[in-house]
Amino acid sequence: MPHRLRMTTVIVGMTLLLVQLDATVLGVAIPTIAHDLKINPLSLHMTISLYQLTLAVFIPISGWAADRFGSKRLFVSAALLFMSMSV
């Protein structure tokens, strides 16, 4: 397996890990968020559904954007945006 292909596989795998980790953190944080907002945690059940829906919408859009702007540029921009929003 060429070095470049292995590196791409590692980068894509780490990206998928970050998406799953983000969804897990959201699920764990819901009770704390509800407590801070002084609402019932069950009223935030749509949060995870909306997160998954957002992923389902933006995955096809990202394919189009990668074709238009270049996959490397899009990936770096998305990673920077993700990190800045996570902070």
PDB file of N, CA and C in Angstrom:
ATOM      1  N   MET A   1       0.845  -1.179   0.000  1.00  0.00           N
ATOM      2  CA  MET A   1       0.000   0.000   0.000  1.00  0.00           C
ATOM      3  C   MET A   1       0.893   1.247   0.000  1.00  0.00           C
ATOM      4  N   PRO A   2       0.705   2.138  -0.960  1.00  0.00           N
ATOM      5  CA  PRO A   2       1.521   3.352  -1.011  1.00  0.00           C
ATOM      6  C   PRO A   2       1.328   4.221   0.229  1.00  0.00           C
ATOM      7  N   HIS A   3       2.371   4.970   0.562  1.00  0.00           N
ATOM      8  CA  HIS A   3       2.357   5.823   1.750  1.00  0.00           C
ATOM      9  C   HIS A   3       1.213   6.832   1.709  1.00  0.00           C
ATOM     10  N   ARG A   4       0.982   7.425   0.559  1.00  0.00           N
ATOM     11  CA  ARG A   4      -0.065   8.448   0.435  1.00  0.00           C
ATOM     12  C   ARG A   4      -1.449   7.866   0.710  1.00  0.00           C
ATOM     13  N   LEU A   5      -1.699   6.647   0.238  1.00  0.00           N
ATOM     14  CA  LEU A   5      -2.986   5.992   0.466  1.00  0.00           C
ATOM     15  C   LEU A   5      -3.171   5.666   1.944  1.00  0.00           C
ATOM     16  N   ARG A   6      -2.109   5.219   2.603  1.00  0.00           N
ATOM     17  CA  ARG A   6      -2.201   4.943   4.039  1.00  0.00           C
ATOM     18  C   ARG A   6      -2.489   6.211   4.814  1.00  0.00           C
ATOM     19  N   MET A   7      -1.844   7.297   4.446  1.00  0.00           N
ATOM     20  CA  MET A   7      -2.049   8.558   5.145  1.00  0.00           C
ATOM     21  C   MET A   7      -3.480   9.047   4.958  1.00  0.00           C
ATOM     22  N   THR A   8      -4.003   8.911   3.756  1.00  0.00           N
ATOM     23  CA  THR A   8      -5.384   9.306   3.484  1.00  0.00           C
ATOM     24  C   THR A   8      -6.341   8.464   4.314  1.00  0.00           C
ATOM     25  N   THR A   9      -6.071   7.171   4.408  1.00  0.00           N
ATOM     26  CA  THR A   9      -6.917   6.285   5.203  1.00  0.00           C
ATOM     27  C   THR A   9      -6.902   6.689   6.666  1.00  0.00           C
ATOM     28  N   VAL A  10      -5.742   7.032   7.188  1.00  0.00           N
ATOM     29  CA  VAL A  10      -5.634   7.459   8.585  1.00  0.00           C
ATOM     30  C   VAL A  10      -6.388   8.764   8.806  1.00  0.00           C
ATOM     31  N   ILE A  11      -6.252   9.706   7.892  1.00  0.00           N
ATOM     32  CA  ILE A  11      -6.931  11.000   8.039  1.00  0.00           C
ATOM     33  C   ILE A  11      -8.441  10.825   7.996  1.00  0.00           C
ATOM     34  N   VAL A  12      -8.942  10.048   7.055  1.00  0.00           N
ATOM     35  CA  VAL A  12     -10.385   9.819   6.967  1.00  0.00           C
ATOM     36  C   VAL A  12     -10.885   9.080   8.204  1.00  0.00           C
ATOM     37  N   GLY A  13     -10.123   8.093   8.664  1.00  0.00           N
ATOM     38  CA  GLY A  13     -10.512   7.356   9.868  1.00  0.00           C
ATOM     39  C   GLY A  13     -10.566   8.246  11.094  1.00  0.00           C
ATOM     40  N   MET A  14      -9.590   9.126  11.232  1.00  0.00           N
ATOM     41  CA  MET A  14      -9.590  10.041  12.373  1.00  0.00           C
ATOM     42  C   MET A  14     -10.741  11.033  12.296  1.00  0.00           C
ATOM     43  N   THR A  15     -11.092  11.434  11.090  1.00  0.00           N
ATOM     44  CA  THR A  15     -12.223  12.338  10.915  1.00  0.00           C
ATOM     45  C   THR A  15     -13.519  11.663  11.342  1.00  0.00           C
ATOM     46  N   LEU A  16     -13.712  10.421  10.929  1.00  0.00           N
ATOM     47  CA  LEU A  16     -14.901   9.684  11.337  1.00  0.00           C
ATOM     48  C   LEU A  16     -14.929   9.473  12.852  1.00  0.00           C
ATOM     49  N   LEU A  17     -13.762   9.249  13.439  1.00  0.00           N
ATOM     50  CA  LEU A  17     -13.680   9.118  14.890  1.00  0.00           C
ATOM     51  C   LEU A  17     -14.114  10.410  15.575  1.00  0.00           C
ATOM     52  N   LEU A  18     -13.694  11.556  15.049  1.00  0.00           N
ATOM     53  CA  LEU A  18     -14.094  12.841  15.624  1.00  0.00           C
ATOM     54  C   LEU A  18     -15.595  13.060  15.537  1.00  0.00           C
ATOM     55  N   VAL A  19     -16.202  12.660  14.435  1.00  0.00           N
ATOM     56  CA  VAL A  19     -17.660  12.805  14.289  1.00  0.00           C
ATOM     57  C   VAL A  19     -18.370  11.959  15.328  1.00  0.00           C
ATOM     58  N   GLN A  20     -17.936  10.713  15.498  1.00  0.00           N
ATOM     59  CA  GLN A  20     -18.566   9.839  16.488  1.00  0.00           C
ATOM     60  C   GLN A  20     -18.316  10.339  17.906  1.00  0.00           C
ATOM     61  N   LEU A  21     -17.110  10.820  18.160  1.00  0.00           N
ATOM     62  CA  LEU A  21     -16.797  11.357  19.475  1.00  0.00           C
ATOM     63  C   LEU A  21     -17.658  12.576  19.780  1.00  0.00           C
ATOM     64  N   ASP A  22     -17.851  13.431  18.805  1.00  0.00           N
ATOM     65  CA  ASP A  22     -18.678  14.621  18.982  1.00  0.00           C
ATOM     66  C   ASP A  22     -20.120  14.237  19.307  1.00  0.00           C
ATOM     67  N   ALA A  23     -20.654  13.232  18.613  1.00  0.00           N
ATOM     68  CA  ALA A  23     -22.020  12.776  18.887  1.00  0.00           C
ATOM     69  C   ALA A  23     -22.118  12.172  20.284  1.00  0.00           C
ATOM     70  N   THR A  24     -21.085  11.441  20.698  1.00  0.00           N
ATOM     71  CA  THR A  24     -21.078  10.847  22.033  1.00  0.00           C
ATOM     72  C   THR A  24     -21.015  11.923  23.111  1.00  0.00           C
ATOM     73  N   VAL A  25     -20.167  12.916  22.901  1.00  0.00           N
ATOM     74  CA  VAL A  25     -20.061  14.013  23.868  1.00  0.00           C
ATOM     75  C   VAL A  25     -21.390  14.745  23.982  1.00  0.00           C
ATOM     76  N   LEU A  26     -22.061  14.946  22.870  1.00  0.00           N
ATOM     77  CA  LEU A  26     -23.366  15.605  22.894  1.00  0.00           C
ATOM     78  C   LEU A  26     -24.348  14.797  23.730  1.00  0.00           C
ATOM     79  N   GLY A  27     -24.361  13.486  23.535  1.00  0.00           N
ATOM     80  CA  GLY A  27     -25.273  12.633  24.305  1.00  0.00           C
ATOM     81  C   GLY A  27     -24.987  12.668  25.792  1.00  0.00           C
ATOM     82  N   VAL A  28     -23.719  12.697  26.150  1.00  0.00           N
ATOM     83  CA  VAL A  28     -23.341  12.734  27.562  1.00  0.00           C
ATOM     84  C   VAL A  28     -23.602  14.114  28.167  1.00  0.00           C
ATOM     85  N   ALA A  29     -23.481  15.164  27.382  1.00  0.00           N
ATOM     86  CA  ALA A  29     -23.612  16.530  27.890  1.00  0.00           C
ATOM     87  C   ALA A  29     -25.058  17.002  28.019  1.00  0.00           C
ATOM     88  N   ILE A  30     -25.996  16.277  27.441  1.00  0.00           N
ATOM     89  CA  ILE A  30     -27.391  16.742  27.468  1.00  0.00           C
ATOM     90  C   ILE A  30     -27.915  16.977  28.893  1.00  0.00           C
ATOM     91  N   PRO A  31     -27.687  16.074  29.852  1.00  0.00           N
ATOM     92  CA  PRO A  31     -28.179  16.367  31.208  1.00  0.00           C
ATOM     93  C   PRO A  31     -27.579  17.645  31.807  1.00  0.00           C
ATOM     94  N   THR A  32     -26.300  17.888  31.561  1.00  0.00           N
ATOM     95  CA  THR A  32     -25.670  19.100  32.076  1.00  0.00           C
ATOM     96  C   THR A  32     -26.224  20.344  31.398  1.00  0.00           C
ATOM     97  N   ILE A  33     -26.414  20.256  30.091  1.00  0.00           N
ATOM     98  CA  ILE A  33     -26.999  21.384  29.357  1.00  0.00           C
ATOM     99  C   ILE A  33     -28.399  21.683  29.870  1.00  0.00           C
ATOM    100  N   ALA A  34     -29.186  20.631  30.080  1.00  0.00           N
ATOM    101  CA  ALA A  34     -30.554  20.812  30.585  1.00  0.00           C
ATOM    102  C   ALA A  34     -30.538  21.425  31.986  1.00  0.00           C
ATOM    103  N   HIS A  35     -29.619  20.980  32.810  1.00  0.00           N
ATOM    104  CA  HIS A  35     -29.520  21.535  34.167  1.00  0.00           C
ATOM    105  C   HIS A  35     -29.163  23.020  34.116  1.00  0.00           C
ATOM    106  N   ASP A  36     -28.196  23.373  33.264  1.00  0.00           N
ATOM    107  CA  ASP A  36     -27.792  24.775  33.144  1.00  0.00           C
ATOM    108  C   ASP A  36     -28.911  25.652  32.597  1.00  0.00           C
ATOM    109  N   LEU A  37     -29.723  25.096  31.696  1.00  0.00           N
ATOM    110  CA  LEU A  37     -30.848  25.856  31.135  1.00  0.00           C
ATOM    111  C   LEU A  37     -32.103  25.763  31.992  1.00  0.00           C
ATOM    112  N   LYS A  38     -32.029  24.949  33.060  1.00  0.00           N
ATOM    113  CA  LYS A  38     -33.153  24.741  33.987  1.00  0.00           C
ATOM    114  C   LYS A  38     -34.391  24.200  33.268  1.00  0.00           C
ATOM    115  N   ILE A  39     -34.148  23.180  32.407  1.00  0.00           N
ATOM    116  CA  ILE A  39     -35.251  22.520  31.720  1.00  0.00           C
ATOM    117  C   ILE A  39     -35.108  21.008  31.893  1.00  0.00           C
ATOM    118  N   ASN A  40     -36.152  20.289  31.541  1.00  0.00           N
ATOM    119  CA  ASN A  40     -36.155  18.834  31.627  1.00  0.00           C
ATOM    120  C   ASN A  40     -35.225  18.264  30.547  1.00  0.00           C
ATOM    121  N   PRO A  41     -34.327  17.335  30.907  1.00  0.00           N
ATOM    122  CA  PRO A  41     -33.421  16.760  29.907  1.00  0.00           C
ATOM    123  C   PRO A  41     -34.147  16.092  28.737  1.00  0.00           C
ATOM    124  N   LEU A  42     -35.327  15.564  28.988  1.00  0.00           N
ATOM    125  CA  LEU A  42     -36.070  14.919  27.901  1.00  0.00           C
ATOM    126  C   LEU A  42     -36.533  15.914  26.850  1.00  0.00           C
ATOM    127  N   SER A  43     -36.588  17.175  27.210  1.00  0.00           N
ATOM    128  CA  SER A  43     -37.005  18.174  26.213  1.00  0.00           C
ATOM    129  C   SER A  43     -35.888  18.469  25.208  1.00  0.00           C
ATOM    130  N   LEU A  44     -34.690  17.950  25.459  1.00  0.00           N
ATOM    131  CA  LEU A  44     -33.576  18.140  24.537  1.00  0.00           C
ATOM    132  C   LEU A  44     -33.337  16.921  23.647  1.00  0.00           C
ATOM    133  N   HIS A  45     -34.293  16.004  23.595  1.00  0.00           N
ATOM    134  CA  HIS A  45     -34.085  14.782  22.800  1.00  0.00           C
ATOM    135  C   HIS A  45     -33.926  15.071  21.314  1.00  0.00           C
ATOM    136  N   MET A  46     -34.460  16.159  20.845  1.00  0.00           N
ATOM    137  CA  MET A  46     -34.338  16.508  19.426  1.00  0.00           C
ATOM    138  C   MET A  46     -32.919  16.949  19.062  1.00  0.00           C
ATOM    139  N   THR A  47     -32.109  17.279  20.050  1.00  0.00           N
ATOM    140  CA  THR A  47     -30.753  17.749  19.790  1.00  0.00           C
ATOM    141  C   THR A  47     -29.932  16.706  19.027  1.00  0.00           C
ATOM    142  N   ILE A  48     -29.982  15.468  19.474  1.00  0.00           N
ATOM    143  CA  ILE A  48     -29.216  14.410  18.808  1.00  0.00           C
ATOM    144  C   ILE A  48     -29.798  14.128  17.431  1.00  0.00           C
ATOM    145  N   SER A  49     -31.120  14.137  17.319  1.00  0.00           N
ATOM    146  CA  SER A  49     -31.745  13.910  16.017  1.00  0.00           C
ATOM    147  C   SER A  49     -31.358  14.998  15.019  1.00  0.00           C
ATOM    148  N   LEU A  50     -31.336  16.234  15.466  1.00  0.00           N
ATOM    149  CA  LEU A  50     -30.948  17.330  14.581  1.00  0.00           C
ATOM    150  C   LEU A  50     -29.479  17.255  14.209  1.00  0.00           C
ATOM    151  N   TYR A  51     -28.641  16.796  15.119  1.00  0.00           N
ATOM    152  CA  TYR A  51     -27.223  16.613  14.818  1.00  0.00           C
ATOM    153  C   TYR A  51     -27.064  15.579  13.707  1.00  0.00           C
ATOM    154  N   GLN A  52     -27.754  14.452  13.825  1.00  0.00           N
ATOM    155  CA  GLN A  52     -27.673  13.403  12.813  1.00  0.00           C
ATOM    156  C   GLN A  52     -28.263  13.877  11.479  1.00  0.00           C
ATOM    157  N   LEU A  53     -29.350  14.625  11.541  1.00  0.00           N
ATOM    158  CA  LEU A  53     -29.956  15.161  10.321  1.00  0.00           C
ATOM    159  C   LEU A  53     -29.008  16.132   9.620  1.00  0.00           C
ATOM    160  N   THR A  54     -28.322  16.955  10.404  1.00  0.00           N
ATOM    161  CA  THR A  54     -27.349  17.881   9.833  1.00  0.00           C
ATOM    162  C   THR A  54     -26.235  17.121   9.119  1.00  0.00           C
ATOM    163  N   LEU A  55     -25.760  16.040   9.739  1.00  0.00           N
ATOM    164  CA  LEU A  55     -24.743  15.216   9.079  1.00  0.00           C
ATOM    165  C   LEU A  55     -25.276  14.638   7.774  1.00  0.00           C
ATOM    166  N   ALA A  56     -26.509  14.140   7.799  1.00  0.00           N
ATOM    167  CA  ALA A  56     -27.087  13.538   6.594  1.00  0.00           C
ATOM    168  C   ALA A  56     -27.238  14.557   5.470  1.00  0.00           C
ATOM    169  N   VAL A  57     -27.492  15.801   5.796  1.00  0.00           N
ATOM    170  CA  VAL A  57     -27.651  16.837   4.779  1.00  0.00           C
ATOM    171  C   VAL A  57     -26.291  17.277   4.230  1.00  0.00           C
ATOM    172  N   PHE A  58     -25.313  17.447   5.116  1.00  0.00           N
ATOM    173  CA  PHE A  58     -24.043  18.018   4.689  1.00  0.00           C
ATOM    174  C   PHE A  58     -23.079  17.020   4.062  1.00  0.00           C
ATOM    175  N   ILE A  59     -23.273  15.735   4.256  1.00  0.00           N
ATOM    176  CA  ILE A  59     -22.386  14.761   3.614  1.00  0.00           C
ATOM    177  C   ILE A  59     -22.504  14.832   2.091  1.00  0.00           C
ATOM    178  N   PRO A  60     -23.707  14.810   1.500  1.00  0.00           N
ATOM    179  CA  PRO A  60     -23.777  14.960   0.034  1.00  0.00           C
ATOM    180  C   PRO A  60     -23.303  16.333  -0.451  1.00  0.00           C
ATOM    181  N   ILE A  61     -23.584  17.370   0.317  1.00  0.00           N
ATOM    182  CA  ILE A  61     -23.139  18.708  -0.073  1.00  0.00           C
ATOM    183  C   ILE A  61     -21.619  18.780  -0.072  1.00  0.00           C
ATOM    184  N   SER A  62     -20.981  18.071   0.860  1.00  0.00           N
ATOM    185  CA  SER A  62     -19.519  18.108   0.918  1.00  0.00           C
ATOM    186  C   SER A  62     -18.885  17.457  -0.310  1.00  0.00           C
ATOM    187  N   GLY A  63     -19.559  16.458  -0.886  1.00  0.00           N
ATOM    188  CA  GLY A  63     -19.055  15.866  -2.131  1.00  0.00           C
ATOM    189  C   GLY A  63     -19.054  16.874  -3.272  1.00  0.00           C
ATOM    190  N   TRP A  64     -20.136  17.616  -3.383  1.00  0.00           N
ATOM    191  CA  TRP A  64     -20.220  18.661  -4.412  1.00  0.00           C
ATOM    192  C   TRP A  64     -19.168  19.742  -4.167  1.00  0.00           C
ATOM    193  N   ALA A  65     -19.024  20.155  -2.903  1.00  0.00           N
ATOM    194  CA  ALA A  65     -18.064  21.213  -2.575  1.00  0.00           C
ATOM    195  C   ALA A  65     -16.625  20.755  -2.824  1.00  0.00           C
ATOM    196  N   ALA A  66     -16.333  19.477  -2.571  1.00  0.00           N
ATOM    197  CA  ALA A  66     -14.986  18.959  -2.828  1.00  0.00           C
ATOM    198  C   ALA A  66     -14.672  18.983  -4.319  1.00  0.00           C
ATOM    199  N   ASP A  67     -15.667  18.673  -5.148  1.00  0.00           N
ATOM    200  CA  ASP A  67     -15.468  18.747  -6.598  1.00  0.00           C
ATOM    201  C   ASP A  67     -15.244  20.188  -7.053  1.00  0.00           C
ATOM    202  N   ARG A  68     -15.930  21.108  -6.437  1.00  0.00           N
ATOM    203  CA  ARG A  68     -15.851  22.504  -6.859  1.00  0.00           C
ATOM    204  C   ARG A  68     -14.622  23.238  -6.330  1.00  0.00           C
ATOM    205  N   PHE A  69     -14.285  23.041  -5.052  1.00  0.00           N
ATOM    206  CA  PHE A  69     -13.217  23.812  -4.418  1.00  0.00           C
ATOM    207  C   PHE A  69     -11.930  23.013  -4.177  1.00  0.00           C
ATOM    208  N   GLY A  70     -11.987  21.714  -4.349  1.00  0.00           N
ATOM    209  CA  GLY A  70     -10.820  20.873  -4.078  1.00  0.00           C
ATOM    210  C   GLY A  70     -10.953  20.200  -2.717  1.00  0.00           C
ATOM    211  N   SER A  71     -10.670  18.922  -2.684  1.00  0.00           N
ATOM    212  CA  SER A  71     -10.901  18.166  -1.451  1.00  0.00           C
ATOM    213  C   SER A  71      -9.948  18.579  -0.333  1.00  0.00           C
ATOM    214  N   LYS A  72      -8.703  18.873  -0.652  1.00  0.00           N
ATOM    215  CA  LYS A  72      -7.753  19.258   0.396  1.00  0.00           C
ATOM    216  C   LYS A  72      -8.141  20.586   1.024  1.00  0.00           C
ATOM    217  N   ARG A  73      -8.456  21.560   0.197  1.00  0.00           N
ATOM    218  CA  ARG A  73      -8.857  22.877   0.701  1.00  0.00           C
ATOM    219  C   ARG A  73     -10.130  22.776   1.547  1.00  0.00           C
ATOM    220  N   LEU A  74     -11.091  21.990   1.074  1.00  0.00           N
ATOM    221  CA  LEU A  74     -12.345  21.828   1.810  1.00  0.00           C
ATOM    222  C   LEU A  74     -12.105  21.117   3.143  1.00  0.00           C
ATOM    223  N   PHE A  75     -11.272  20.068   3.128  1.00  0.00           N
ATOM    224  CA  PHE A  75     -11.005  19.322   4.354  1.00  0.00           C
ATOM    225  C   PHE A  75     -10.326  20.200   5.398  1.00  0.00           C
ATOM    226  N   VAL A  76      -9.320  20.950   4.986  1.00  0.00           N
ATOM    227  CA  VAL A  76      -8.612  21.821   5.927  1.00  0.00           C
ATOM    228  C   VAL A  76      -9.555  22.894   6.470  1.00  0.00           C
ATOM    229  N   SER A  77     -10.371  23.473   5.609  1.00  0.00           N
ATOM    230  CA  SER A  77     -11.330  24.490   6.046  1.00  0.00           C
ATOM    231  C   SER A  77     -12.341  23.901   7.024  1.00  0.00           C
ATOM    232  N   ALA A  78     -12.837  22.720   6.721  1.00  0.00           N
ATOM    233  CA  ALA A  78     -13.810  22.076   7.599  1.00  0.00           C
ATOM    234  C   ALA A  78     -13.191  21.703   8.943  1.00  0.00           C
ATOM    235  N   ALA A  79     -11.944  21.230   8.924  1.00  0.00           N
ATOM    236  CA  ALA A  79     -11.273  20.881  10.177  1.00  0.00           C
ATOM    237  C   ALA A  79     -11.049  22.126  11.034  1.00  0.00           C
ATOM    238  N   LEU A  80     -10.644  23.222  10.412  1.00  0.00           N
ATOM    239  CA  LEU A  80     -10.454  24.463  11.158  1.00  0.00           C
ATOM    240  C   LEU A  80     -11.774  24.991  11.714  1.00  0.00           C
ATOM    241  N   LEU A  81     -12.825  24.916  10.927  1.00  0.00           N
ATOM    242  CA  LEU A  81     -14.138  25.347  11.383  1.00  0.00           C
ATOM    243  C   LEU A  81     -14.617  24.478  12.554  1.00  0.00           C
ATOM    244  N   PHE A  82     -14.441  23.169  12.431  1.00  0.00           N
ATOM    245  CA  PHE A  82     -14.837  22.231  13.482  1.00  0.00           C
ATOM    246  C   PHE A  82     -14.080  22.537  14.780  1.00  0.00           C
ATOM    247  N   MET A  83     -12.769  22.737  14.669  1.00  0.00           N
ATOM    248  CA  MET A  83     -11.975  23.023  15.865  1.00  0.00           C
ATOM    249  C   MET A  83     -12.383  24.346  16.505  1.00  0.00           C
ATOM    250  N   SER A  84     -12.615  25.356  15.689  1.00  0.00           N
ATOM    251  CA  SER A  84     -12.978  26.654  16.249  1.00  0.00           C
ATOM    252  C   SER A  84     -14.355  26.612  16.919  1.00  0.00           C
ATOM    253  N   MET A  85     -15.279  25.851  16.342  1.00  0.00           N
ATOM    254  CA  MET A  85     -16.611  25.739  16.959  1.00  0.00           C
ATOM    255  C   MET A  85     -16.569  24.866  18.211  1.00  0.00           C
ATOM    256  N   SER A  86     -15.665  23.911  18.256  1.00  0.00           N
ATOM    257  CA  SER A  86     -15.540  23.060  19.438  1.00  0.00           C
ATOM    258  C   SER A  86     -14.935  23.817  20.609  1.00  0.00           C
ATOM    259  N   VAL A  87     -14.056  24.740  20.301  1.00  0.00           N
ATOM    260  CA  VAL A  87     -13.429  25.537  21.381  1.00  0.00           C
ATOM    261  C   VAL A  87     -14.459  26.489  21.950  1.00  0.00           C
TER     262      VAL A  87
END
